[in-house]
Amino acid sequence: MKHIRVKTLSVTIPLIILCSLVNAANVRTVNVDALSWRTLTYNLDKGQRFSGSIAITGGGNDIDFWVTDPEGTTILGLGRVTQGRTFEFTAQKSGAYILHFDNGFSWFTAKTVALTYDINAAGIFGFDPLTLIGIVAIVFLAISGVIAYNQHRKKRTSQTQTSSP
């Protein structure tokens, strides 16, 4: 029985670690000329979480950044971002979400924006599926540990009772 528990732990723990390290990030680069703006559009389903970071290079290393929902309402406004920033939002409705990069204030300098992002489906209780797998595995291990400890304790107690005069 102990051998089976050790095998289970030796397989489960690496799987939990692997699931926690998986990150399917995407990268897009946007060039924004002086006195202009660019947008990127992402079609999201209700409940999907968009996590991202932007890094700006070019004269001044700054750009105005905001996100609008399918109705055109600003749902995230970071204002003027200098060098870089992380952000995230969850789609409240399905449709096109637009990321706006505005360099209209810069008369002479173009900017390059590197967007690194990940889109996760919101699962049960708002967790993405990989996180849920990790939580279930940890709960399973905890319950297995408690059961194994109780069995060991009972066995030891019964051995102590049979060996005492």
Protein backbone atom coordinates (compact mmCIF):
# COMPACT_ATOMS: atom_id res chain seq x y z
CA MET A 1 0.00 0.00 0.00
CA LYS A 2 2.84 2.37 0.89
CA HIS A 3 4.49 1.64 -2.48
CA ILE A 4 1.31 2.68 -4.32
CA ARG A 5 1.13 5.97 -2.40
CA VAL A 6 4.74 6.79 -3.23
CA LYS A 7 4.09 6.08 -6.93
CA THR A 8 0.96 8.23 -6.87
CA LEU A 9 2.85 11.13 -5.27
CA SER A 10 5.81 10.77 -7.64
CA VAL A 11 3.48 11.09 -10.64
CA THR A 12 1.02 13.65 -9.25
CA ILE A 13 3.46 16.23 -7.88
CA PRO A 14 5.35 16.68 -11.20
CA LEU A 15 2.01 16.99 -13.01
CA ILE A 16 0.92 19.75 -10.62
CA ILE A 17 4.22 21.57 -11.12
CA LEU A 18 3.99 21.18 -14.91
CA CYS A 19 0.42 22.52 -14.96
CA SER A 20 1.45 25.54 -12.92
CA LEU A 21 4.32 26.33 -15.31
CA VAL A 22 2.31 26.10 -18.53
CA ASN A 23 1.69 29.53 -19.99
CA ALA A 24 0.62 29.78 -23.59
CA ALA A 25 1.53 33.44 -24.07
CA ASN A 26 1.20 35.10 -27.46
CA VAL A 27 3.27 38.04 -28.68
CA ARG A 28 2.29 40.75 -31.17
CA THR A 29 4.27 43.80 -32.20
CA VAL A 30 2.57 47.01 -33.29
CA ASN A 31 4.35 49.96 -34.92
CA VAL A 32 2.60 53.27 -34.26
CA ASP A 33 3.78 56.21 -36.34
CA ALA A 34 4.01 59.77 -34.99
CA LEU A 35 0.64 61.57 -34.88
CA SER A 36 -1.27 58.30 -35.39
CA TRP A 37 -2.91 55.42 -33.60
CA ARG A 38 -3.34 51.65 -34.08
CA THR A 39 -5.77 49.09 -32.73
CA LEU A 40 -5.82 45.34 -32.21
CA THR A 41 -9.14 43.50 -32.04
CA TYR A 42 -9.80 40.27 -30.14
CA ASN A 43 -13.08 38.39 -30.29
CA LEU A 44 -13.78 37.05 -26.81
CA ASP A 45 -16.54 34.96 -25.34
CA LYS A 46 -18.27 36.07 -22.16
CA GLY A 47 -16.16 35.02 -19.18
CA GLN A 48 -12.82 34.81 -21.00
CA ARG A 49 -9.93 36.54 -19.24
CA PHE A 50 -7.42 38.58 -21.25
CA SER A 51 -4.10 39.01 -19.42
CA GLY A 52 -1.40 41.07 -21.04
CA SER A 53 1.58 43.33 -20.79
CA ILE A 54 2.83 46.03 -23.10
CA ALA A 55 6.39 47.25 -23.56
CA ILE A 56 6.99 50.46 -25.50
CA THR A 57 10.17 51.46 -27.30
CA GLY A 58 10.88 54.58 -29.32
CA GLY A 59 11.45 58.21 -28.43
CA GLY A 60 9.99 58.81 -24.98
CA ASN A 61 8.93 55.16 -24.66
CA ASP A 62 5.31 56.17 -24.04
CA ILE A 63 1.89 55.64 -25.58
CA ASP A 64 -1.76 56.18 -24.58
CA PHE A 65 -3.48 52.83 -24.02
CA TRP A 66 -7.08 51.76 -23.37
CA VAL A 67 -9.47 48.88 -24.08
CA THR A 68 -13.07 49.08 -25.30
CA ASP A 69 -15.78 46.42 -25.16
CA PRO A 70 -18.12 45.34 -28.02
CA GLU A 71 -20.34 48.38 -27.39
CA GLY A 72 -17.41 50.81 -27.58
CA THR A 73 -17.35 51.50 -23.83
CA THR A 74 -13.91 51.97 -22.30
CA ILE A 75 -13.45 49.13 -19.80
CA LEU A 76 -9.76 49.69 -19.09
CA GLY A 77 -7.94 52.99 -19.37
CA LEU A 78 -4.26 53.06 -18.42
CA GLY A 79 -3.69 56.55 -19.79
CA ARG A 80 -0.15 57.34 -20.89
CA VAL A 81 1.99 54.27 -20.35
CA THR A 82 5.73 54.84 -20.13
CA GLN A 83 8.02 51.90 -20.98
CA GLY A 84 5.54 49.15 -20.01
CA ARG A 85 2.65 47.89 -17.94
CA THR A 86 0.64 44.75 -17.21
CA PHE A 87 -3.14 44.59 -17.36
CA GLU A 88 -6.05 42.18 -17.41
CA PHE A 89 -9.78 42.15 -17.90
CA THR A 90 -12.60 39.62 -18.10
CA ALA A 91 -15.08 39.81 -20.98
CA GLN A 92 -18.50 40.70 -19.57
CA LYS A 93 -20.14 39.95 -22.92
CA SER A 94 -19.17 38.15 -26.11
CA GLY A 95 -17.81 40.21 -28.99
CA ALA A 96 -14.95 42.33 -30.26
CA TYR A 97 -12.67 43.89 -27.63
CA ILE A 98 -10.37 46.55 -29.02
CA LEU A 99 -6.94 47.49 -27.65
CA HIS A 100 -6.08 51.10 -28.56
CA PHE A 101 -2.51 52.40 -28.93
CA ASP A 102 -2.49 56.17 -29.48
CA ASN A 103 0.68 58.06 -30.40
CA GLY A 104 -1.19 61.18 -31.55
CA PHE A 105 0.64 63.39 -29.05
CA SER A 106 4.07 62.59 -30.51
CA TRP A 107 4.92 64.92 -33.42
CA PHE A 108 8.13 63.28 -34.58
CA THR A 109 8.68 59.88 -32.99
CA ALA A 110 7.19 56.51 -33.92
CA LYS A 111 6.75 53.91 -31.17
CA THR A 112 6.92 50.14 -31.19
CA VAL A 113 4.62 48.30 -28.81
CA ALA A 114 5.27 44.67 -27.90
CA LEU A 115 2.08 43.07 -26.57
CA THR A 116 2.42 39.78 -24.71
CA TYR A 117 -0.93 38.25 -23.86
CA ASP A 118 -2.86 35.15 -22.90
CA ILE A 119 -6.57 34.45 -23.22
CA ASN A 120 -8.00 31.97 -20.72
CA ALA A 121 -11.47 30.53 -20.51
CA ALA A 122 -13.01 31.20 -17.15
CA GLY A 123 -13.91 27.84 -15.65
CA ILE A 124 -15.75 26.97 -12.49
CA PHE A 125 -15.59 29.78 -9.90
CA GLY A 126 -13.69 31.94 -12.44
CA PHE A 127 -10.56 29.74 -12.50
CA ASP A 128 -9.04 28.63 -15.79
CA PRO A 129 -9.02 24.85 -16.46
CA LEU A 130 -5.32 24.31 -15.61
CA THR A 131 -5.72 26.04 -12.27
CA LEU A 132 -8.75 23.87 -11.52
CA ILE A 133 -6.75 20.72 -12.31
CA GLY A 134 -4.05 21.88 -9.89
CA ILE A 135 -6.58 22.64 -7.15
CA VAL A 136 -8.28 19.26 -7.56
CA ALA A 137 -4.89 17.49 -7.46
CA ILE A 138 -3.84 19.33 -4.29
CA VAL A 139 -7.16 18.53 -2.59
CA PHE A 140 -6.79 14.88 -3.65
CA LEU A 141 -3.29 14.74 -2.20
CA ALA A 142 -4.39 16.37 1.03
CA ILE A 143 -7.29 13.94 1.49
CA SER A 144 -5.05 10.98 0.61
CA GLY A 145 -2.49 12.16 3.16
CA VAL A 146 -5.10 12.48 5.90
CA ILE A 147 -6.47 9.00 5.14
CA ALA A 148 -2.97 7.48 5.10
CA TYR A 149 -2.09 9.19 8.37
CA ASN A 150 -5.26 7.94 10.05
CA GLN A 151 -4.66 4.39 8.81
CA HIS A 152 -1.08 4.51 10.07
CA ARG A 153 -2.25 5.84 13.44
CA LYS A 154 -4.91 3.13 13.78
CA LYS A 155 -2.41 0.42 12.86
CA ARG A 156 0.11 1.74 15.37
CA THR A 157 -2.53 2.02 18.09
CA SER A 158 -3.69 -1.56 17.50
CA GLN A 159 -0.06 -2.81 17.57
CA THR A 160 0.55 -0.96 20.84
CA GLN A 161 -2.61 -2.41 22.38
CA THR A 162 -1.75 -6.01 21.36
CA SER A 163 1.85 -5.77 22.58
CA SER A 164 1.06 -4.26 25.99
CA PRO A 165 0.56 -6.76 28.91
